[in-house]
Protein backbone atom coordinates (compact mmCIF):
# COMPACT_ATOMS: atom_id res chain seq x y z
CA MET A 1 83.83 96.59 80.44
CA LEU A 2 81.71 99.69 80.44
CA LEU A 3 78.48 99.55 78.22
CA VAL A 4 77.08 103.07 77.39
CA ILE A 5 73.92 103.45 75.33
CA LEU A 6 72.94 106.43 73.34
CA THR A 7 69.34 106.92 72.47
CA PHE A 8 67.86 108.87 69.79
CA PRO A 9 64.03 108.83 68.21
CA SER A 10 65.01 105.84 66.12
CA LEU A 11 68.42 105.04 66.89
CA VAL A 12 69.96 102.86 69.50
CA VAL A 13 73.94 102.85 69.58
CA ALA A 14 75.71 100.80 71.79
CA ILE A 15 79.52 101.72 72.54
CA GLU A 16 81.94 99.49 74.49
CA GLU A 17 84.35 101.18 76.49
CA THR A 18 87.45 99.21 77.61
CA ALA A 19 89.59 99.96 80.64
CA GLU A 20 92.40 100.93 78.39
CA SER A 21 90.42 103.51 76.45
CA LEU A 22 89.08 104.89 79.68
CA LEU A 23 92.31 105.26 81.34
CA SER A 24 93.58 106.83 78.06
CA LYS A 25 90.55 109.43 78.19
CA VAL A 26 91.34 110.30 82.02
CA VAL A 27 95.04 110.75 81.35
CA SER A 28 94.69 112.99 77.94
CA ASN A 29 92.16 115.10 79.76
CA PHE A 30 94.83 116.22 82.67
CA GLN A 31 95.93 118.88 80.59
CA ILE A 32 92.49 120.52 79.76
CA GLN A 33 90.46 120.06 83.07
CA SER A 34 89.44 123.42 84.88
CA TYR A 35 87.90 123.17 88.07
CA GLU A 36 87.48 123.99 91.95
CA ALA A 37 87.08 121.16 94.47
CA SER A 38 86.97 120.32 97.93
CA ALA A 39 88.41 116.97 98.87
CA LEU A 40 89.05 114.65 102.13
CA TYR A 41 91.66 112.39 102.88
CA ILE A 42 90.39 109.60 105.12
CA ARG A 43 93.73 107.63 106.79
CA PRO A 44 93.90 105.47 109.99
CA SER A 45 96.17 108.52 111.33
CA GLY A 46 93.43 110.92 110.67
CA MET A 47 91.52 113.19 108.44
CA GLU A 48 92.93 115.87 105.96
CA SER A 49 90.77 118.33 104.10
CA ILE A 50 92.00 120.08 101.22
CA ASN A 51 91.32 122.75 98.58
CA ILE A 52 92.14 122.10 94.72
CA LYS A 53 92.36 124.64 91.99
CA ARG A 54 92.99 122.91 88.60
CA GLU A 55 93.58 124.68 85.28
CA GLY A 56 95.24 122.32 83.04
CA GLU A 57 98.64 121.28 83.89
CA LEU A 58 98.75 124.15 86.59
CA GLU A 59 97.45 122.81 90.00
CA HIS A 60 97.26 124.96 93.33
CA ILE A 61 96.49 122.55 96.31
CA THR A 62 95.94 124.06 99.90
CA PHE A 63 96.05 122.11 102.94
CA ASN A 64 93.60 122.95 105.46
CA ASP A 65 96.15 122.79 108.64
CA ASN A 66 95.77 126.15 109.95
CA GLY A 67 98.02 127.61 107.10
CA GLU A 68 100.78 125.02 107.22
CA HIS A 69 101.45 124.90 103.81
CA ALA A 70 100.35 124.83 100.10
CA ARG A 71 101.36 123.48 97.07
CA LEU A 72 101.45 124.89 93.52
CA ILE A 73 102.57 122.32 90.75
CA SER A 74 103.24 123.88 87.33
CA VAL A 75 104.42 121.33 84.89
CA LEU A 76 104.18 123.84 81.98
CA ASN A 77 107.06 125.96 83.78
CA ASP A 78 108.88 122.85 85.09
CA LYS A 79 108.45 124.25 88.58
CA GLU A 80 107.09 122.52 92.03
CA VAL A 81 106.71 125.29 94.46
CA TYR A 82 105.76 124.72 98.31
CA GLN A 83 104.81 127.55 100.40
CA THR A 84 104.73 126.72 104.15
CA ALA A 85 104.58 128.52 107.27
CA HIS A 86 108.46 128.34 107.38
CA GLY A 87 109.04 129.96 104.06
CA LEU A 88 108.83 129.32 99.91
CA SER A 89 110.54 126.26 98.26
CA VAL A 90 110.90 125.87 94.57
CA HIS A 91 112.07 123.11 92.68
CA HIS A 92 113.21 123.50 89.17
CA ASN A 93 112.80 120.72 86.65
CA LYS A 94 111.46 118.11 89.02
CA VAL A 95 110.40 114.86 87.42
CA TYR A 96 106.79 115.01 88.37
CA PHE A 97 105.45 111.30 88.70
CA ASN A 98 102.14 110.88 87.92
CA SER A 99 100.99 107.31 88.27
CA LEU A 100 98.13 106.94 85.69
CA ARG A 101 100.03 108.79 83.27
CA TYR A 102 102.80 106.45 83.71
CA LEU A 103 100.35 103.47 83.55
CA ASN A 104 99.06 104.82 80.10
CA GLU A 105 102.48 105.14 78.65
CA HIS A 106 103.85 101.86 80.01
CA LEU A 107 100.87 99.69 79.91
CA ALA A 108 102.36 96.35 78.77
CA LYS A 109 104.79 96.68 81.67
CA SER A 110 102.26 97.54 84.12
CA LEU A 111 99.68 94.83 83.22
CA GLU A 112 102.68 92.43 84.35
CA SER A 113 101.77 93.30 88.14
CA TYR A 114 98.29 94.84 87.56
CA ASP A 115 94.86 93.74 86.56
CA LEU A 116 93.08 96.87 84.81
CA PHE A 117 89.05 96.79 84.36
CA ILE A 118 85.92 98.69 84.58
CA SER A 119 83.34 97.78 87.27
CA LYS A 120 79.95 97.17 85.97
CA ASN A 121 78.52 99.39 88.77
CA TYR A 122 77.98 102.92 88.81
CA ASP A 123 77.79 105.24 91.73
CA GLN A 124 77.77 108.87 92.54
CA VAL A 125 80.30 111.00 94.00
CA ALA A 126 79.62 114.72 95.21
CA GLY A 127 76.21 114.05 93.00
CA ILE A 128 77.99 113.07 89.85
CA GLN A 129 77.85 109.96 87.67
CA THR A 130 80.81 107.80 87.85
CA ALA A 131 82.48 104.93 86.44
CA ARG A 132 84.81 102.68 88.65
CA LEU A 133 88.41 102.11 87.06
CA SER A 134 90.10 99.49 89.17
CA VAL A 135 93.95 98.83 89.05
CA ILE A 136 94.27 95.80 91.02
CA SER A 137 97.72 94.27 92.20
CA LYS A 138 98.33 90.61 90.88
CA ASN A 139 100.79 89.91 94.13
CA ASN A 140 100.39 90.54 97.70
CA ASP A 141 103.50 92.92 97.99
CA ARG A 142 101.89 96.15 96.76
CA TYR A 143 98.60 98.11 96.90
CA SER A 144 95.61 98.29 94.58
CA TYR A 145 93.32 101.21 94.01
CA ILE A 146 89.87 102.04 92.69
CA TYR A 147 89.17 105.44 90.67
CA TRP A 148 85.87 106.84 90.77
CA VAL A 149 85.60 108.68 87.50
CA ASP A 150 83.46 111.47 86.04
CA VAL A 151 81.76 109.87 82.92
CA ARG A 152 81.39 113.07 81.23
CA ASN A 153 84.57 115.22 82.01
CA TYR A 154 86.86 112.51 83.13
CA ILE A 155 87.92 113.91 86.61
CA ILE A 156 88.63 111.39 89.18
CA LEU A 157 86.45 112.08 92.05
CA ARG A 158 87.50 109.54 94.54
CA VAL A 159 90.26 106.96 94.93
CA ASP A 160 90.44 104.11 97.28
CA THR A 161 93.57 102.27 98.10
CA LEU A 162 93.50 98.83 99.44
CA ASN A 163 96.25 96.93 100.97
CA GLU A 164 97.93 93.53 99.77
CA THR A 165 94.96 91.60 101.48
CA GLY A 166 92.58 93.67 99.61
CA GLU A 167 91.29 95.94 103.01
CA LEU A 168 90.38 99.50 102.64
CA ILE A 169 93.29 101.65 103.81
CA GLU A 170 92.90 105.26 102.54
CA ARG A 171 90.27 107.23 100.74
CA MET A 172 90.44 110.45 98.95
CA VAL A 173 86.73 111.76 97.94
CA PHE A 174 85.71 114.94 96.58
CA THR A 175 83.03 116.59 98.46
CA SER A 176 82.16 119.42 96.19
CA LEU A 177 83.19 119.96 92.46
CA THR A 178 82.70 123.43 90.37
CA LEU A 179 83.59 123.38 86.72
CA ASN A 180 85.49 126.62 85.27
CA HIS A 181 84.95 127.73 81.68
CA ALA A 182 87.85 129.40 80.05
CA ALA A 183 86.77 133.13 80.43
CA GLU A 184 86.83 132.04 84.47
CA ARG A 185 90.32 130.82 84.67
CA THR A 186 92.32 132.94 87.39
CA LEU A 187 95.51 131.01 87.98
CA PRO A 188 98.53 132.75 86.46
CA GLN A 189 100.31 130.45 83.46
CA ALA A 190 103.61 131.36 84.89
CA VAL A 191 104.76 130.88 88.69
CA ASN A 192 106.28 133.82 90.29
CA VAL A 193 109.01 132.73 92.13
CA GLU A 194 111.29 135.69 92.29
CA ASN A 195 110.87 136.15 96.03
CA THR A 196 114.18 136.63 97.64
CA GLN A 197 113.35 134.48 100.60
CA ALA A 198 112.46 131.56 98.72
CA SER A 199 115.12 128.59 98.73
CA HIS A 200 115.62 127.32 95.27
CA TYR A 201 116.49 123.56 94.45
CA TYR A 202 117.87 122.47 90.84
CA HIS A 203 117.01 118.91 89.81
CA LYS A 204 119.76 117.49 87.26
CA ASN A 205 119.07 114.07 85.59
CA ASN A 206 121.59 111.68 85.94
CA SER A 207 122.32 108.23 83.88
CA LYS A 208 123.85 106.41 86.37
CA THR A 209 123.21 105.24 90.23
CA GLY A 210 126.94 105.50 91.19
CA GLN A 211 127.96 102.91 93.46
CA VAL A 212 124.78 102.01 94.47
CA THR A 213 123.62 98.38 94.23
CA PHE A 214 119.92 97.07 94.93
CA GLN A 215 120.21 93.60 95.98
CA TRP A 216 116.64 93.11 96.09
CA LEU A 217 113.58 94.61 94.88
CA PRO A 218 109.95 93.56 94.24
CA SER A 219 109.14 92.07 90.82
CA ASN A 220 109.23 94.43 87.96
CA PHE A 221 110.51 97.55 89.60
CA THR A 222 113.21 98.99 87.56
CA ILE A 223 115.07 102.32 87.82
CA SER A 224 112.73 105.08 86.28
CA SER A 225 114.96 108.29 86.59
CA ILE A 226 117.88 109.33 88.77
CA GLN A 227 118.23 112.96 90.05
CA SER A 228 120.65 115.02 91.72
CA VAL A 229 119.39 117.99 93.43
CA TYR A 230 121.56 121.30 94.08
CA ASP A 231 120.50 124.29 96.24
CA ASN A 232 120.97 127.81 94.83
CA LYS A 233 124.49 127.97 96.10
CA GLY A 234 125.37 125.04 93.80
CA ALA A 235 126.00 122.80 96.89
CA LEU A 236 124.71 118.97 96.28
CA SER A 237 121.43 118.85 98.46
CA TYR A 238 120.29 114.94 97.96
CA LYS A 239 120.03 112.66 95.35
CA LEU A 240 116.79 110.88 94.39
CA ILE A 241 116.53 107.23 92.50
CA LEU A 242 113.00 106.58 91.41
CA LEU A 243 111.88 102.96 90.83
CA THR A 244 108.77 101.95 89.67
CA ASP A 245 106.98 98.83 88.37
CA GLY A 246 104.92 100.72 85.56
CA PHE A 247 102.52 102.31 87.76
CA ALA A 248 103.50 102.16 91.91
CA LYS A 249 106.74 103.93 92.81
CA ILE A 250 109.50 104.01 95.32
CA GLY A 251 111.49 107.22 96.22
CA ILE A 252 115.17 106.63 97.49
CA TYR A 253 116.61 109.84 98.73
CA LEU A 254 120.27 109.76 99.66
CA GLY A 255 122.17 112.24 101.61
CA HIS A 256 118.82 114.25 102.06
CA HIS A 257 119.87 117.66 103.67
CA TRP A 258 116.75 119.27 102.77
CA HIS A 259 114.54 116.31 101.96
CA GLU A 260 112.68 115.24 105.31
CA ALA A 261 109.74 113.12 105.13
CA LYS A 262 107.62 112.88 108.32
CA LEU A 263 106.67 109.75 110.02
CA THR A 264 102.87 110.34 110.81
CA ARG A 265 100.82 109.13 113.71
CA GLY A 266 99.52 105.72 112.76
CA GLN A 267 102.13 105.51 109.83
CA GLN A 268 102.09 101.47 110.02
CA LEU A 269 98.77 101.72 109.09
CA ASP A 270 98.55 104.43 106.45
CA ALA A 271 99.01 103.98 102.59
CA PHE A 272 102.31 106.03 102.55
CA HIS A 273 105.12 104.76 104.50
CA VAL A 274 108.81 105.75 105.11
CA PHE A 275 111.66 103.57 106.41
CA LYS A 276 114.94 105.36 107.13
CA PRO A 277 117.95 102.81 107.49
CA ILE A 278 121.80 103.31 107.84
CA ALA A 279 123.92 102.16 105.59
CA ASN A 280 127.71 103.07 105.58
CA LYS A 281 126.96 105.94 107.66
CA ARG A 282 124.90 107.30 104.95
CA ILE A 283 121.37 108.94 105.16
CA ILE A 284 118.77 107.00 103.39
CA SER A 285 115.09 107.43 103.09
CA VAL A 286 113.06 104.74 101.47
CA GLU A 287 109.62 106.14 100.62
CA GLY A 288 106.20 105.03 98.80
CA GLN A 289 102.69 103.53 98.92
CA LEU A 290 103.63 99.98 99.27
CA PRO A 291 103.68 98.00 102.43
CA TYR A 292 106.32 99.04 105.16
CA GLU A 293 107.84 95.45 105.03
CA ILE A 294 108.61 95.99 101.28
CA LEU A 295 110.21 99.39 101.57
CA GLU A 296 112.02 97.97 104.71
CA LYS A 297 113.38 95.12 102.63
CA VAL A 298 114.43 97.29 99.76
CA GLY A 299 116.47 99.74 102.34
CA LEU A 300 118.14 96.81 104.18
CA ASN A 301 119.32 95.52 100.76
CA ILE A 302 121.16 98.80 99.29
CA ILE A 303 124.82 98.36 98.96
CA PHE A 304 127.12 101.24 98.73
CA GLY A 305 130.33 101.34 97.11
CA ASN A 306 133.24 103.67 98.42
CA ASN A 307 133.04 106.04 95.73
CA ASP A 308 129.25 107.06 95.81
CA ASP A 309 128.38 110.67 96.47
């Protein structure tokens, strides 16, 4: 529980902030935040620096890897755009999963698997006072997270990812932050994707998995959404089944002609893992920020019927 003391000449008011209310404020401020920041990802496989420009639900992320790729997410326009050295790809109507937003909307379900609390300690990140919001797994089959939150603007300035034994395995930390006023906003509210060289992918929600059966899943994981993804010629590119426990997620990619997650150096130690089993001669990719052994067990326990597409 976070205790904030407001002092005036003849008045002292104590406000008790719960973890649930702090989480709600962080999530509700996603749509109004406007800032520019630099950040570092620190992983066993190496460090990666990024630049972020955010205006409400529009977020432009540039990865500083010799211009290899940038990502522009526009939830307002239901588009997610990737610019790489190989070209431009645009995803329409893609389900954009945000763990904290999902946690806030499915709190009762999430608290079956996680403890949510605020640390009594204060810390500074990039010279800004923060409070620590912790999402700690009750089980040893998933990860835990500690969020350093700017107590004035509710911007997440640092995230530590802890493995199933509580050891730090990944950190994202802001190294600089500049808040923008409304008059200083420069990102367009519409994303121009009329580039004739762009590859377009259209996500269509499904209500059924077809003939896919999960013989084993970690506790409290259920199907959140199912999407079939088509290219601009109308051909099925891949199917995505999204599983969640109310906070963490597992993505099951079936027959992915376009989607191809890269296995990184030191991947066994990073927070994000990929397991690629072969089942009934089908291409499968099981991905998520869970222990590798868990994703492997999920992938080895997927059964396909003869009529699955």
